[in-house]
Amino acid sequence: MTRIDPAQITADIAETLGVPAAEVAPDDRLDDLGLDSIRTMELVERWRAAGIDIEFADLAAERDVAAWIAVLAR
């Protein structure tokens, strides 16, 4: 399985939201940032294309950036 760097996860989330990566912190709630299910699917597809083994359901239950980093690090 391909690994993804936490900084890259944050950068990808920020890019999807159209904000600078510096505005996305590990303790930020994803829904507060404006991340919806459509954007979550965009990220899942991006990471799958990069070789990350991830499913939408793996991320949908998590509410903050740090939790996504933990899920993607598994």
PDB file of N, CA and C in Angstrom:
ATOM      1  N   MET A   1       0.837  -1.182   0.000  1.00  0.00           N
ATOM      2  CA  MET A   1       0.000   0.000   0.000  1.00  0.00           C
ATOM      3  C   MET A   1       0.879   1.240   0.000  1.00  0.00           C
ATOM      4  N   THR A   2       0.489   2.222  -0.725  1.00  0.00           N
ATOM      5  CA  THR A   2       1.183   3.495  -0.789  1.00  0.00           C
ATOM      6  C   THR A   2       0.877   4.309   0.456  1.00  0.00           C
ATOM      7  N   ARG A   3       1.877   5.005   0.965  1.00  0.00           N
ATOM      8  CA  ARG A   3       1.695   5.893   2.129  1.00  0.00           C
ATOM      9  C   ARG A   3       1.491   7.326   1.666  1.00  0.00           C
ATOM     10  N   ILE A   4       0.802   8.097   2.455  1.00  0.00           N
ATOM     11  CA  ILE A   4       0.603   9.510   2.166  1.00  0.00           C
ATOM     12  C   ILE A   4       1.037  10.323   3.382  1.00  0.00           C
ATOM     13  N   ASP A   5       1.787  11.355   3.126  1.00  0.00           N
ATOM     14  CA  ASP A   5       2.324  12.225   4.163  1.00  0.00           C
ATOM     15  C   ASP A   5       1.200  13.081   4.765  1.00  0.00           C
ATOM     16  N   PRO A   6       1.184  13.278   6.088  1.00  0.00           N
ATOM     17  CA  PRO A   6       0.157  14.132   6.699  1.00  0.00           C
ATOM     18  C   PRO A   6       0.100  15.536   6.091  1.00  0.00           C
ATOM     19  N   ALA A   7       1.246  16.096   5.743  1.00  0.00           N
ATOM     20  CA  ALA A   7       1.253  17.421   5.120  1.00  0.00           C
ATOM     21  C   ALA A   7       0.558  17.386   3.765  1.00  0.00           C
ATOM     22  N   GLN A   8       0.687  16.268   3.049  1.00  0.00           N
ATOM     23  CA  GLN A   8       0.017  16.138   1.756  1.00  0.00           C
ATOM     24  C   GLN A   8      -1.491  16.002   1.935  1.00  0.00           C
ATOM     25  N   ILE A   9      -1.898  15.294   2.962  1.00  0.00           N
ATOM     26  CA  ILE A   9      -3.335  15.172   3.254  1.00  0.00           C
ATOM     27  C   ILE A   9      -3.922  16.559   3.506  1.00  0.00           C
ATOM     28  N   THR A  10      -3.249  17.325   4.349  1.00  0.00           N
ATOM     29  CA  THR A  10      -3.698  18.677   4.660  1.00  0.00           C
ATOM     30  C   THR A  10      -3.722  19.549   3.400  1.00  0.00           C
ATOM     31  N   ALA A  11      -2.678  19.447   2.593  1.00  0.00           N
ATOM     32  CA  ALA A  11      -2.609  20.230   1.352  1.00  0.00           C
ATOM     33  C   ALA A  11      -3.730  19.840   0.399  1.00  0.00           C
ATOM     34  N   ASP A  12      -4.015  18.546   0.295  1.00  0.00           N
ATOM     35  CA  ASP A  12      -5.088  18.088  -0.595  1.00  0.00           C
ATOM     36  C   ASP A  12      -6.451  18.577  -0.119  1.00  0.00           C
ATOM     37  N   ILE A  13      -6.684  18.524   1.192  1.00  0.00           N
ATOM     38  CA  ILE A  13      -7.944  19.029   1.737  1.00  0.00           C
ATOM     39  C   ILE A  13      -8.069  20.524   1.436  1.00  0.00           C
ATOM     40  N   ALA A  14      -7.001  21.257   1.695  1.00  0.00           N
ATOM     41  CA  ALA A  14      -7.011  22.702   1.462  1.00  0.00           C
ATOM     42  C   ALA A  14      -7.273  23.024  -0.004  1.00  0.00           C
ATOM     43  N   GLU A  15      -6.607  22.304  -0.898  1.00  0.00           N
ATOM     44  CA  GLU A  15      -6.799  22.543  -2.329  1.00  0.00           C
ATOM     45  C   GLU A  15      -8.248  22.283  -2.733  1.00  0.00           C
ATOM     46  N   THR A  16      -8.812  21.216  -2.227  1.00  0.00           N
ATOM     47  CA  THR A  16     -10.198  20.879  -2.535  1.00  0.00           C
ATOM     48  C   THR A  16     -11.157  21.966  -2.040  1.00  0.00           C
ATOM     49  N   LEU A  17     -10.816  22.569  -0.915  1.00  0.00           N
ATOM     50  CA  LEU A  17     -11.653  23.621  -0.350  1.00  0.00           C
ATOM     51  C   LEU A  17     -11.340  25.000  -0.919  1.00  0.00           C
ATOM     52  N   GLY A  18     -10.231  25.105  -1.639  1.00  0.00           N
ATOM     53  CA  GLY A  18      -9.850  26.385  -2.213  1.00  0.00           C
ATOM     54  C   GLY A  18      -9.282  27.369  -1.206  1.00  0.00           C
ATOM     55  N   VAL A  19      -8.602  26.836  -0.182  1.00  0.00           N
ATOM     56  CA  VAL A  19      -7.985  27.694   0.837  1.00  0.00           C
ATOM     57  C   VAL A  19      -6.506  27.332   0.960  1.00  0.00           C
ATOM     58  N   PRO A  20      -5.698  28.233   1.531  1.00  0.00           N
ATOM     59  CA  PRO A  20      -4.290  27.898   1.758  1.00  0.00           C
ATOM     60  C   PRO A  20      -4.153  26.762   2.786  1.00  0.00           C
ATOM     61  N   ALA A  21      -3.159  25.930   2.610  1.00  0.00           N
ATOM     62  CA  ALA A  21      -2.941  24.802   3.528  1.00  0.00           C
ATOM     63  C   ALA A  21      -2.745  25.273   4.964  1.00  0.00           C
ATOM     64  N   ALA A  22      -2.203  26.453   5.144  1.00  0.00           N
ATOM     65  CA  ALA A  22      -1.991  27.001   6.484  1.00  0.00           C
ATOM     66  C   ALA A  22      -3.302  27.232   7.237  1.00  0.00           C
ATOM     67  N   GLU A  23      -4.405  27.279   6.511  1.00  0.00           N
ATOM     68  CA  GLU A  23      -5.713  27.483   7.136  1.00  0.00           C
ATOM     69  C   GLU A  23      -6.382  26.178   7.560  1.00  0.00           C
ATOM     70  N   VAL A  24      -5.710  25.056   7.345  1.00  0.00           N
ATOM     71  CA  VAL A  24      -6.264  23.749   7.713  1.00  0.00           C
ATOM     72  C   VAL A  24      -5.378  23.148   8.804  1.00  0.00           C
ATOM     73  N   ALA A  25      -5.939  23.049  10.015  1.00  0.00           N
ATOM     74  CA  ALA A  25      -5.199  22.524  11.165  1.00  0.00           C
ATOM     75  C   ALA A  25      -5.722  21.133  11.529  1.00  0.00           C
ATOM     76  N   PRO A  26      -4.869  20.319  12.163  1.00  0.00           N
ATOM     77  CA  PRO A  26      -5.281  18.950  12.522  1.00  0.00           C
ATOM     78  C   PRO A  26      -6.546  18.873  13.368  1.00  0.00           C
ATOM     79  N   ASP A  27      -6.779  19.859  14.220  1.00  0.00           N
ATOM     80  CA  ASP A  27      -7.963  19.792  15.077  1.00  0.00           C
ATOM     81  C   ASP A  27      -9.202  20.452  14.467  1.00  0.00           C
ATOM     82  N   ASP A  28      -9.093  20.916  13.229  1.00  0.00           N
ATOM     83  CA  ASP A  28     -10.254  21.496  12.547  1.00  0.00           C
ATOM     84  C   ASP A  28     -11.282  20.421  12.215  1.00  0.00           C
ATOM     85  N   ARG A  29     -12.537  20.765  12.435  1.00  0.00           N
ATOM     86  CA  ARG A  29     -13.631  19.886  12.021  1.00  0.00           C
ATOM     87  C   ARG A  29     -13.849  20.082  10.530  1.00  0.00           C
ATOM     88  N   LEU A  30     -13.934  19.003   9.816  1.00  0.00           N
ATOM     89  CA  LEU A  30     -14.057  19.053   8.362  1.00  0.00           C
ATOM     90  C   LEU A  30     -15.346  19.721   7.909  1.00  0.00           C
ATOM     91  N   ASP A  31     -16.436  19.485   8.611  1.00  0.00           N
ATOM     92  CA  ASP A  31     -17.695  20.130   8.221  1.00  0.00           C
ATOM     93  C   ASP A  31     -17.640  21.638   8.471  1.00  0.00           C
ATOM     94  N   ASP A  32     -16.919  22.059   9.504  1.00  0.00           N
ATOM     95  CA  ASP A  32     -16.751  23.493   9.752  1.00  0.00           C
ATOM     96  C   ASP A  32     -15.935  24.156   8.647  1.00  0.00           C
ATOM     97  N   LEU A  33     -15.040  23.392   8.044  1.00  0.00           N
ATOM     98  CA  LEU A  33     -14.236  23.921   6.939  1.00  0.00           C
ATOM     99  C   LEU A  33     -15.035  23.995   5.637  1.00  0.00           C
ATOM    100  N   GLY A  34     -16.171  23.317   5.604  1.00  0.00           N
ATOM    101  CA  GLY A  34     -17.004  23.325   4.407  1.00  0.00           C
ATOM    102  C   GLY A  34     -16.854  22.078   3.559  1.00  0.00           C
ATOM    103  N   LEU A  35     -16.214  21.053   4.104  1.00  0.00           N
ATOM    104  CA  LEU A  35     -16.042  19.812   3.342  1.00  0.00           C
ATOM    105  C   LEU A  35     -17.343  19.008   3.376  1.00  0.00           C
ATOM    106  N   ASP A  36     -17.896  18.745   2.215  1.00  0.00           N
ATOM    107  CA  ASP A  36     -19.126  17.967   2.107  1.00  0.00           C
ATOM    108  C   ASP A  36     -18.819  16.602   1.490  1.00  0.00           C
ATOM    109  N   SER A  37     -19.856  15.807   1.304  1.00  0.00           N
ATOM    110  CA  SER A  37     -19.651  14.442   0.811  1.00  0.00           C
ATOM    111  C   SER A  37     -19.118  14.415  -0.621  1.00  0.00           C
ATOM    112  N   ILE A  38     -19.504  15.369  -1.440  1.00  0.00           N
ATOM    113  CA  ILE A  38     -19.011  15.408  -2.824  1.00  0.00           C
ATOM    114  C   ILE A  38     -17.511  15.667  -2.823  1.00  0.00           C
ATOM    115  N   ARG A  39     -17.076  16.627  -2.037  1.00  0.00           N
ATOM    116  CA  ARG A  39     -15.639  16.918  -1.955  1.00  0.00           C
ATOM    117  C   ARG A  39     -14.871  15.773  -1.316  1.00  0.00           C
ATOM    118  N   THR A  40     -15.498  15.102  -0.359  1.00  0.00           N
ATOM    119  CA  THR A  40     -14.855  13.936   0.240  1.00  0.00           C
ATOM    120  C   THR A  40     -14.623  12.863  -0.819  1.00  0.00           C
ATOM    121  N   MET A  41     -15.622  12.644  -1.678  1.00  0.00           N
ATOM    122  CA  MET A  41     -15.454  11.661  -2.763  1.00  0.00           C
ATOM    123  C   MET A  41     -14.341  12.084  -3.724  1.00  0.00           C
ATOM    124  N   GLU A  42     -14.231  13.381  -3.998  1.00  0.00           N
ATOM    125  CA  GLU A  42     -13.148  13.870  -4.852  1.00  0.00           C
ATOM    126  C   GLU A  42     -11.794  13.513  -4.241  1.00  0.00           C
ATOM    127  N   LEU A  43     -11.662  13.702  -2.934  1.00  0.00           N
ATOM    128  CA  LEU A  43     -10.408  13.367  -2.258  1.00  0.00           C
ATOM    129  C   LEU A  43     -10.151  11.862  -2.281  1.00  0.00           C
ATOM    130  N   VAL A  44     -11.186  11.076  -2.028  1.00  0.00           N
ATOM    131  CA  VAL A  44     -11.039   9.616  -2.068  1.00  0.00           C
ATOM    132  C   VAL A  44     -10.545   9.182  -3.447  1.00  0.00           C
ATOM    133  N   GLU A  45     -11.145   9.708  -4.488  1.00  0.00           N
ATOM    134  CA  GLU A  45     -10.734   9.342  -5.851  1.00  0.00           C
ATOM    135  C   GLU A  45      -9.305   9.806  -6.142  1.00  0.00           C
ATOM    136  N   ARG A  46      -8.935  10.985  -5.679  1.00  0.00           N
ATOM    137  CA  ARG A  46      -7.563  11.474  -5.859  1.00  0.00           C
ATOM    138  C   ARG A  46      -6.571  10.541  -5.176  1.00  0.00           C
ATOM    139  N   TRP A  47      -6.879  10.178  -3.937  1.00  0.00           N
ATOM    140  CA  TRP A  47      -5.957   9.325  -3.192  1.00  0.00           C
ATOM    141  C   TRP A  47      -5.923   7.903  -3.751  1.00  0.00           C
ATOM    142  N   ARG A  48      -7.047   7.397  -4.207  1.00  0.00           N
ATOM    143  CA  ARG A  48      -7.037   6.080  -4.863  1.00  0.00           C
ATOM    144  C   ARG A  48      -6.157   6.102  -6.108  1.00  0.00           C
ATOM    145  N   ALA A  49      -6.266   7.173  -6.895  1.00  0.00           N
ATOM    146  CA  ALA A  49      -5.439   7.303  -8.104  1.00  0.00           C
ATOM    147  C   ALA A  49      -3.957   7.345  -7.766  1.00  0.00           C
ATOM    148  N   ALA A  50      -3.637   7.806  -6.563  1.00  0.00           N
ATOM    149  CA  ALA A  50      -2.248   7.864  -6.106  1.00  0.00           C
ATOM    150  C   ALA A  50      -1.799   6.548  -5.462  1.00  0.00           C
ATOM    151  N   GLY A  51      -2.708   5.566  -5.425  1.00  0.00           N
ATOM    152  CA  GLY A  51      -2.353   4.253  -4.886  1.00  0.00           C
ATOM    153  C   GLY A  51      -2.720   4.034  -3.434  1.00  0.00           C
ATOM    154  N   ILE A  52      -3.487   4.941  -2.862  1.00  0.00           N
ATOM    155  CA  ILE A  52      -3.922   4.799  -1.472  1.00  0.00           C
ATOM    156  C   ILE A  52      -5.166   3.920  -1.437  1.00  0.00           C
ATOM    157  N   ASP A  53      -5.159   2.920  -0.557  1.00  0.00           N
ATOM    158  CA  ASP A  53      -6.299   2.017  -0.400  1.00  0.00           C
ATOM    159  C   ASP A  53      -7.261   2.635   0.616  1.00  0.00           C
ATOM    160  N   ILE A  54      -8.251   3.365   0.124  1.00  0.00           N
ATOM    161  CA  ILE A  54      -9.179   4.065   0.998  1.00  0.00           C
ATOM    162  C   ILE A  54     -10.588   4.000   0.409  1.00  0.00           C
ATOM    163  N   GLU A  55     -11.565   3.935   1.275  1.00  0.00           N
ATOM    164  CA  GLU A  55     -12.970   3.931   0.875  1.00  0.00           C
ATOM    165  C   GLU A  55     -13.649   5.157   1.476  1.00  0.00           C
ATOM    166  N   PHE A  56     -14.679   5.632   0.829  1.00  0.00           N
ATOM    167  CA  PHE A  56     -15.441   6.774   1.321  1.00  0.00           C
ATOM    168  C   PHE A  56     -15.883   6.534   2.764  1.00  0.00           C
ATOM    169  N   ALA A  57     -16.398   5.352   3.053  1.00  0.00           N
ATOM    170  CA  ALA A  57     -16.905   5.045   4.396  1.00  0.00           C
ATOM    171  C   ALA A  57     -15.822   5.148   5.460  1.00  0.00           C
ATOM    172  N   ASP A  58     -14.564   4.901   5.083  1.00  0.00           N
ATOM    173  CA  ASP A  58     -13.457   5.011   6.038  1.00  0.00           C
ATOM    174  C   ASP A  58     -13.311   6.440   6.552  1.00  0.00           C
ATOM    175  N   LEU A  59     -13.608   7.407   5.703  1.00  0.00           N
ATOM    176  CA  LEU A  59     -13.448   8.811   6.065  1.00  0.00           C
ATOM    177  C   LEU A  59     -14.746   9.457   6.516  1.00  0.00           C
ATOM    178  N   ALA A  60     -15.871   9.001   6.015  1.00  0.00           N
ATOM    179  CA  ALA A  60     -17.160   9.643   6.276  1.00  0.00           C
ATOM    180  C   ALA A  60     -17.510   9.688   7.764  1.00  0.00           C
ATOM    181  N   ALA A  61     -17.089   8.707   8.508  1.00  0.00           N
ATOM    182  CA  ALA A  61     -17.419   8.654   9.933  1.00  0.00           C
ATOM    183  C   ALA A  61     -16.532   9.563  10.774  1.00  0.00           C
ATOM    184  N   GLU A  62     -15.438  10.038  10.198  1.00  0.00           N
ATOM    185  CA  GLU A  62     -14.490  10.862  10.948  1.00  0.00           C
ATOM    186  C   GLU A  62     -14.819  12.335  10.779  1.00  0.00           C
ATOM    187  N   ARG A  63     -14.565  13.137  11.815  1.00  0.00           N
ATOM    188  CA  ARG A  63     -15.014  14.521  11.798  1.00  0.00           C
ATOM    189  C   ARG A  63     -13.897  15.554  11.732  1.00  0.00           C
ATOM    190  N   ASP A  64     -12.632  15.158  11.956  1.00  0.00           N
ATOM    191  CA  ASP A  64     -11.589  16.175  11.930  1.00  0.00           C
ATOM    192  C   ASP A  64     -10.387  15.722  11.112  1.00  0.00           C
ATOM    193  N   VAL A  65      -9.540  16.677  10.808  1.00  0.00           N
ATOM    194  CA  VAL A  65      -8.371  16.433   9.954  1.00  0.00           C
ATOM    195  C   VAL A  65      -7.463  15.393  10.582  1.00  0.00           C
ATOM    196  N   ALA A  66      -7.216  15.488  11.885  1.00  0.00           N
ATOM    197  CA  ALA A  66      -6.334  14.536  12.568  1.00  0.00           C
ATOM    198  C   ALA A  66      -6.848  13.099  12.436  1.00  0.00           C
ATOM    199  N   ALA A  67      -8.156  12.923  12.501  1.00  0.00           N
ATOM    200  CA  ALA A  67      -8.740  11.581  12.357  1.00  0.00           C
ATOM    201  C   ALA A  67      -8.502  11.048  10.949  1.00  0.00           C
ATOM    202  N   TRP A  68      -8.644  11.918   9.937  1.00  0.00           N
ATOM    203  CA  TRP A  68      -8.365  11.489   8.558  1.00  0.00           C
ATOM    204  C   TRP A  68      -6.907  11.099   8.409  1.00  0.00           C
ATOM    205  N   ILE A  69      -6.022  11.877   9.009  1.00  0.00           N
ATOM    206  CA  ILE A  69      -4.595  11.549   8.939  1.00  0.00           C
ATOM    207  C   ILE A  69      -4.352  10.177   9.546  1.00  0.00           C
ATOM    208  N   ALA A  70      -4.987   9.896  10.676  1.00  0.00           N
ATOM    209  CA  ALA A  70      -4.838   8.588  11.348  1.00  0.00           C
ATOM    210  C   ALA A  70      -5.374   7.462  10.461  1.00  0.00           C
ATOM    211  N   VAL A  71      -6.538   7.661   9.869  1.00  0.00           N
ATOM    212  CA  VAL A  71      -7.135   6.641   8.989  1.00  0.00           C
ATOM    213  C   VAL A  71      -6.226   6.374   7.791  1.00  0.00           C
ATOM    214  N   LEU A  72      -5.732   7.437   7.172  1.00  0.00           N
ATOM    215  CA  LEU A  72      -4.907   7.284   5.982  1.00  0.00           C
ATOM    216  C   LEU A  72      -3.512   6.736   6.293  1.00  0.00           C
ATOM    217  N   ALA A  73      -3.088   6.817   7.548  1.00  0.00           N
ATOM    218  CA  ALA A  73      -1.783   6.297   7.942  1.00  0.00           C
ATOM    219  C   ALA A  73      -1.823   4.785   8.191  1.00  0.00           C
ATOM    220  N   ARG A  74      -3.028   4.222   8.306  1.00  0.00           N
ATOM    221  CA  ARG A  74      -3.142   2.775   8.570  1.00  0.00           C
ATOM    222  C   ARG A  74      -2.686   1.954   7.411  1.00  0.00           C
TER     223      ARG A  74
END
